[in-house]
Amino acid sequence: MKVLVIGINSKFIHPNLAIRYIKANSSFPIEIKEFTIKDPIENIIQDILEIKPDILAFSCYI
C-alpha cells in the first residue's frame, strides 16, 4: 500500500511538522511531499499522479 501525505505550507521556511510526526509514528512506509500555497495546482496534481498513491492525505499549515 502506497501512502502519500502532502503538506501545504504558507512558505517553505515553515515546515509542516504534522506530516513528519505522522511519518515518524507510522508502522508502515509513508511518503511525504510539501508545497506552498503559491505552487500552481497543476504541479501539485502532477506530482500526485506520478506517485500513484493508494491513500492520499493533506495537511495545511498556514
PDB file of N, CA and C in Angstrom:
ATOM      1  N   MET A   1       0.845  -1.166   0.000  1.00  0.00           N
ATOM      2  CA  MET A   1       0.000   0.000   0.000  1.00  0.00           C
ATOM      3  C   MET A   1       0.898   1.238   0.000  1.00  0.00           C
ATOM      4  N   LYS A   2       0.615   2.140  -0.914  1.00  0.00           N
ATOM      5  CA  LYS A   2       1.406   3.359  -1.057  1.00  0.00           C
ATOM      6  C   LYS A   2       0.628   4.527  -0.457  1.00  0.00           C
ATOM      7  N   VAL A   3       1.213   5.160   0.568  1.00  0.00           N
ATOM      8  CA  VAL A   3       0.564   6.267   1.264  1.00  0.00           C
ATOM      9  C   VAL A   3       1.355   7.545   1.006  1.00  0.00           C
ATOM     10  N   LEU A   4       0.651   8.586   0.618  1.00  0.00           N
ATOM     11  CA  LEU A   4       1.265   9.889   0.373  1.00  0.00           C
ATOM     12  C   LEU A   4       0.583  10.921   1.259  1.00  0.00           C
ATOM     13  N   VAL A   5       1.388  11.649   2.024  1.00  0.00           N
ATOM     14  CA  VAL A   5       0.882  12.739   2.862  1.00  0.00           C
ATOM     15  C   VAL A   5       1.479  14.027   2.311  1.00  0.00           C
ATOM     16  N   ILE A   6       0.608  14.956   1.978  1.00  0.00           N
ATOM     17  CA  ILE A   6       1.026  16.220   1.381  1.00  0.00           C
ATOM     18  C   ILE A   6       0.827  17.346   2.377  1.00  0.00           C
ATOM     19  N   GLY A   7       1.863  18.155   2.523  1.00  0.00           N
ATOM     20  CA  GLY A   7       1.781  19.345   3.361  1.00  0.00           C
ATOM     21  C   GLY A   7       1.701  20.582   2.488  1.00  0.00           C
ATOM     22  N   ILE A   8       0.704  21.403   2.741  1.00  0.00           N
ATOM     23  CA  ILE A   8       0.564  22.675   2.035  1.00  0.00           C
ATOM     24  C   ILE A   8       0.941  23.768   3.031  1.00  0.00           C
ATOM     25  N   ASN A   9       2.034  24.449   2.773  1.00  0.00           N
ATOM     26  CA  ASN A   9       2.573  25.440   3.701  1.00  0.00           C
ATOM     27  C   ASN A   9       2.425  26.850   3.151  1.00  0.00           C
ATOM     28  N   SER A  10       2.497  27.828   4.053  1.00  0.00           N
ATOM     29  CA  SER A  10       2.452  29.215   3.590  1.00  0.00           C
ATOM     30  C   SER A  10       3.766  29.593   2.908  1.00  0.00           C
ATOM     31  N   LYS A  11       4.864  29.053   3.403  1.00  0.00           N
ATOM     32  CA  LYS A  11       6.187  29.271   2.813  1.00  0.00           C
ATOM     33  C   LYS A  11       7.023  28.026   3.075  1.00  0.00           C
ATOM     34  N   PHE A  12       8.100  27.849   2.312  1.00  0.00           N
ATOM     35  CA  PHE A  12       8.965  26.693   2.552  1.00  0.00           C
ATOM     36  C   PHE A  12       9.765  26.829   3.847  1.00  0.00           C
ATOM     37  N   ILE A  13       9.859  28.035   4.394  1.00  0.00           N
ATOM     38  CA  ILE A  13      10.585  28.194   5.656  1.00  0.00           C
ATOM     39  C   ILE A  13       9.744  27.747   6.845  1.00  0.00           C
ATOM     40  N   HIS A  14       8.454  27.456   6.601  1.00  0.00           N
ATOM     41  CA  HIS A  14       7.572  26.950   7.649  1.00  0.00           C
ATOM     42  C   HIS A  14       7.298  25.476   7.394  1.00  0.00           C
ATOM     43  N   PRO A  15       8.152  24.584   7.864  1.00  0.00           N
ATOM     44  CA  PRO A  15       7.908  23.158   7.602  1.00  0.00           C
ATOM     45  C   PRO A  15       6.675  22.661   8.358  1.00  0.00           C
ATOM     46  N   ASN A  16       5.963  21.748   7.741  1.00  0.00           N
ATOM     47  CA  ASN A  16       4.762  21.170   8.325  1.00  0.00           C
ATOM     48  C   ASN A  16       5.173  20.021   9.235  1.00  0.00           C
ATOM     49  N   LEU A  17       5.118  20.243  10.530  1.00  0.00           N
ATOM     50  CA  LEU A  17       5.548  19.221  11.490  1.00  0.00           C
ATOM     51  C   LEU A  17       4.582  18.043  11.561  1.00  0.00           C
ATOM     52  N   ALA A  18       3.312  18.292  11.297  1.00  0.00           N
ATOM     53  CA  ALA A  18       2.309  17.229  11.407  1.00  0.00           C
ATOM     54  C   ALA A  18       2.636  16.048  10.499  1.00  0.00           C
ATOM     55  N   ILE A  19       3.026  16.326   9.255  1.00  0.00           N
ATOM     56  CA  ILE A  19       3.315  15.211   8.347  1.00  0.00           C
ATOM     57  C   ILE A  19       4.567  14.447   8.774  1.00  0.00           C
ATOM     58  N   ARG A  20       5.486  15.129   9.390  1.00  0.00           N
ATOM     59  CA  ARG A  20       6.690  14.445   9.889  1.00  0.00           C
ATOM     60  C   ARG A  20       6.373  13.577  11.109  1.00  0.00           C
ATOM     61  N   TYR A  21       5.497  14.049  11.977  1.00  0.00           N
ATOM     62  CA  TYR A  21       5.069  13.246  13.128  1.00  0.00           C
ATOM     63  C   TYR A  21       4.315  12.003  12.667  1.00  0.00           C
ATOM     64  N   ILE A  22       3.462  12.166  11.663  1.00  0.00           N
ATOM     65  CA  ILE A  22       2.722  11.015  11.142  1.00  0.00           C
ATOM     66  C   ILE A  22       3.686   9.984  10.564  1.00  0.00           C
ATOM     67  N   LYS A  23       4.655  10.430   9.786  1.00  0.00           N
ATOM     68  CA  LYS A  23       5.622   9.502   9.198  1.00  0.00           C
ATOM     69  C   LYS A  23       6.466   8.822  10.271  1.00  0.00           C
ATOM     70  N   ALA A  24       6.919   9.588  11.257  1.00  0.00           N
ATOM     71  CA  ALA A  24       7.778   9.034  12.313  1.00  0.00           C
ATOM     72  C   ALA A  24       7.054   8.016  13.194  1.00  0.00           C
ATOM     73  N   ASN A  25       5.746   8.161  13.353  1.00  0.00           N
ATOM     74  CA  ASN A  25       4.988   7.287  14.251  1.00  0.00           C
ATOM     75  C   ASN A  25       4.135   6.261  13.522  1.00  0.00           C
ATOM     76  N   SER A  26       4.398   6.071  12.254  1.00  0.00           N
ATOM     77  CA  SER A  26       3.628   5.109  11.469  1.00  0.00           C
ATOM     78  C   SER A  26       4.319   3.749  11.460  1.00  0.00           C
ATOM     79  N   SER A  27       3.512   2.699  11.412  1.00  0.00           N
ATOM     80  CA  SER A  27       4.075   1.349  11.348  1.00  0.00           C
ATOM     81  C   SER A  27       4.246   0.879   9.900  1.00  0.00           C
ATOM     82  N   PHE A  28       3.890   1.721   8.940  1.00  0.00           N
ATOM     83  CA  PHE A  28       4.052   1.375   7.531  1.00  0.00           C
ATOM     84  C   PHE A  28       4.694   2.562   6.815  1.00  0.00           C
ATOM     85  N   PRO A  29       5.285   2.322   5.658  1.00  0.00           N
ATOM     86  CA  PRO A  29       6.003   3.399   4.963  1.00  0.00           C
ATOM     87  C   PRO A  29       5.058   4.485   4.448  1.00  0.00           C
ATOM     88  N   ILE A  30       5.477   5.714   4.656  1.00  0.00           N
ATOM     89  CA  ILE A  30       4.720   6.882   4.202  1.00  0.00           C
ATOM     90  C   ILE A  30       5.676   7.791   3.448  1.00  0.00           C
ATOM     91  N   GLU A  31       5.219   8.262   2.304  1.00  0.00           N
ATOM     92  CA  GLU A  31       5.988   9.252   1.554  1.00  0.00           C
ATOM     93  C   GLU A  31       5.366  10.612   1.817  1.00  0.00           C
ATOM     94  N   ILE A  32       6.225  11.629   1.994  1.00  0.00           N
ATOM     95  CA  ILE A  32       5.716  12.976   2.220  1.00  0.00           C
ATOM     96  C   ILE A  32       6.196  13.907   1.107  1.00  0.00           C
ATOM     97  N   LYS A  33       5.348  14.856   0.762  1.00  0.00           N
ATOM     98  CA  LYS A  33       5.679  15.915  -0.185  1.00  0.00           C
ATOM     99  C   LYS A  33       5.179  17.216   0.414  1.00  0.00           C
ATOM    100  N   GLU A  34       5.907  18.293   0.152  1.00  0.00           N
ATOM    101  CA  GLU A  34       5.477  19.598   0.642  1.00  0.00           C
ATOM    102  C   GLU A  34       5.420  20.600  -0.499  1.00  0.00           C
ATOM    103  N   PHE A  35       4.438  21.448  -0.409  1.00  0.00           N
ATOM    104  CA  PHE A  35       4.234  22.518  -1.377  1.00  0.00           C
ATOM    105  C   PHE A  35       3.891  23.788  -0.614  1.00  0.00           C
ATOM    106  N   THR A  36       3.858  24.900  -1.344  1.00  0.00           N
ATOM    107  CA  THR A  36       3.406  26.145  -0.732  1.00  0.00           C
ATOM    108  C   THR A  36       2.083  26.543  -1.365  1.00  0.00           C
ATOM    109  N   ILE A  37       1.418  27.502  -0.743  1.00  0.00           N
ATOM    110  CA  ILE A  37       0.135  27.957  -1.271  1.00  0.00           C
ATOM    111  C   ILE A  37       0.300  28.674  -2.607  1.00  0.00           C
ATOM    112  N   LYS A  38       1.535  29.037  -2.947  1.00  0.00           N
ATOM    113  CA  LYS A  38       1.791  29.718  -4.213  1.00  0.00           C
ATOM    114  C   LYS A  38       2.154  28.762  -5.347  1.00  0.00           C
ATOM    115  N   ASP A  39       2.339  27.474  -5.051  1.00  0.00           N
ATOM    116  CA  ASP A  39       2.635  26.499  -6.103  1.00  0.00           C
ATOM    117  C   ASP A  39       1.403  26.312  -6.986  1.00  0.00           C
ATOM    118  N   PRO A  40       1.609  26.250  -8.291  1.00  0.00           N
ATOM    119  CA  PRO A  40       0.472  26.013  -9.187  1.00  0.00           C
ATOM    120  C   PRO A  40      -0.174  24.651  -8.905  1.00  0.00           C
ATOM    121  N   ILE A  41      -1.479  24.631  -8.886  1.00  0.00           N
ATOM    122  CA  ILE A  41      -2.214  23.401  -8.607  1.00  0.00           C
ATOM    123  C   ILE A  41      -1.862  22.297  -9.600  1.00  0.00           C
ATOM    124  N   GLU A  42      -1.530  22.674 -10.823  1.00  0.00           N
ATOM    125  CA  GLU A  42      -1.162  21.682 -11.834  1.00  0.00           C
ATOM    126  C   GLU A  42       0.105  20.924 -11.428  1.00  0.00           C
ATOM    127  N   ASN A  43       1.066  21.619 -10.825  1.00  0.00           N
ATOM    128  CA  ASN A  43       2.299  20.968 -10.360  1.00  0.00           C
ATOM    129  C   ASN A  43       2.012  19.989  -9.230  1.00  0.00           C
ATOM    130  N   ILE A  44       1.145  20.379  -8.324  1.00  0.00           N
ATOM    131  CA  ILE A  44       0.794  19.508  -7.201  1.00  0.00           C
ATOM    132  C   ILE A  44       0.090  18.253  -7.720  1.00  0.00           C
ATOM    133  N   ILE A  45      -0.863  18.440  -8.614  1.00  0.00           N
ATOM    134  CA  ILE A  45      -1.592  17.301  -9.176  1.00  0.00           C
ATOM    135  C   ILE A  45      -0.653  16.381  -9.949  1.00  0.00           C
ATOM    136  N   GLN A  46       0.253  16.951 -10.714  1.00  0.00           N
ATOM    137  CA  GLN A  46       1.211  16.143 -11.484  1.00  0.00           C
ATOM    138  C   GLN A  46       2.069  15.288 -10.561  1.00  0.00           C
ATOM    139  N   ASP A  47       2.552  15.862  -9.462  1.00  0.00           N
ATOM    140  CA  ASP A  47       3.351  15.088  -8.506  1.00  0.00           C
ATOM    141  C   ASP A  47       2.542  13.942  -7.900  1.00  0.00           C
ATOM    142  N   ILE A  48       1.286  14.213  -7.577  1.00  0.00           N
ATOM    143  CA  ILE A  48       0.426  13.167  -7.021  1.00  0.00           C
ATOM    144  C   ILE A  48       0.238  12.046  -8.036  1.00  0.00           C
ATOM    145  N   LEU A  49      -0.041  12.398  -9.265  1.00  0.00           N
ATOM    146  CA  LEU A  49      -0.273  11.388 -10.302  1.00  0.00           C
ATOM    147  C   LEU A  49       0.972  10.559 -10.593  1.00  0.00           C
ATOM    148  N   GLU A  50       2.144  11.163 -10.502  1.00  0.00           N
ATOM    149  CA  GLU A  50       3.387  10.419 -10.731  1.00  0.00           C
ATOM    150  C   GLU A  50       3.633   9.377  -9.646  1.00  0.00           C
ATOM    151  N   ILE A  51       3.254   9.682  -8.425  1.00  0.00           N
ATOM    152  CA  ILE A  51       3.480   8.762  -7.303  1.00  0.00           C
ATOM    153  C   ILE A  51       2.440   7.644  -7.283  1.00  0.00           C
ATOM    154  N   LYS A  52       1.231   7.931  -7.742  1.00  0.00           N
ATOM    155  CA  LYS A  52       0.130   6.963  -7.779  1.00  0.00           C
ATOM    156  C   LYS A  52      -0.151   6.351  -6.406  1.00  0.00           C
ATOM    157  N   PRO A  53      -0.513   7.171  -5.427  1.00  0.00           N
ATOM    158  CA  PRO A  53      -0.749   6.634  -4.087  1.00  0.00           C
ATOM    159  C   PRO A  53      -2.078   5.888  -3.986  1.00  0.00           C
ATOM    160  N   ASP A  54      -2.125   4.922  -3.065  1.00  0.00           N
ATOM    161  CA  ASP A  54      -3.381   4.240  -2.740  1.00  0.00           C
ATOM    162  C   ASP A  54      -4.190   5.083  -1.757  1.00  0.00           C
ATOM    163  N   ILE A  55      -3.477   5.755  -0.853  1.00  0.00           N
ATOM    164  CA  ILE A  55      -4.101   6.635   0.135  1.00  0.00           C
ATOM    165  C   ILE A  55      -3.417   7.990   0.040  1.00  0.00           C
ATOM    166  N   LEU A  56      -4.227   9.037   0.042  1.00  0.00           N
ATOM    167  CA  LEU A  56      -3.728  10.401  -0.072  1.00  0.00           C
ATOM    168  C   LEU A  56      -4.298  11.226   1.071  1.00  0.00           C
ATOM    169  N   ALA A  57      -3.426  11.946   1.776  1.00  0.00           N
ATOM    170  CA  ALA A  57      -3.874  12.793   2.894  1.00  0.00           C
ATOM    171  C   ALA A  57      -3.217  14.162   2.747  1.00  0.00           C
ATOM    172  N   PHE A  58      -3.932  15.179   3.211  1.00  0.00           N
ATOM    173  CA  PHE A  58      -3.434  16.542   3.144  1.00  0.00           C
ATOM    174  C   PHE A  58      -3.370  17.145   4.541  1.00  0.00           C
ATOM    175  N   SER A  59      -2.363  17.984   4.735  1.00  0.00           N
ATOM    176  CA  SER A  59      -2.252  18.784   5.954  1.00  0.00           C
ATOM    177  C   SER A  59      -1.894  20.193   5.526  1.00  0.00           C
ATOM    178  N   CYS A  60      -2.591  21.166   6.076  1.00  0.00           N
ATOM    179  CA  CYS A  60      -2.373  22.552   5.698  1.00  0.00           C
ATOM    180  C   CYS A  60      -1.795  23.317   6.889  1.00  0.00           C
ATOM    181  N   TYR A  61      -0.671  23.977   6.689  1.00  0.00           N
ATOM    182  CA  TYR A  61      -0.022  24.734   7.762  1.00  0.00           C
ATOM    183  C   TYR A  61       0.209  26.156   7.258  1.00  0.00           C
ATOM    184  N   ILE A  62      -0.662  27.067   7.716  1.00  0.00           N
ATOM    185  CA  ILE A  62      -0.554  28.457   7.271  1.00  0.00           C
ATOM    186  C   ILE A  62      -0.420  29.357   8.485  1.00  0.00           C
TER     187      ILE A  62
END
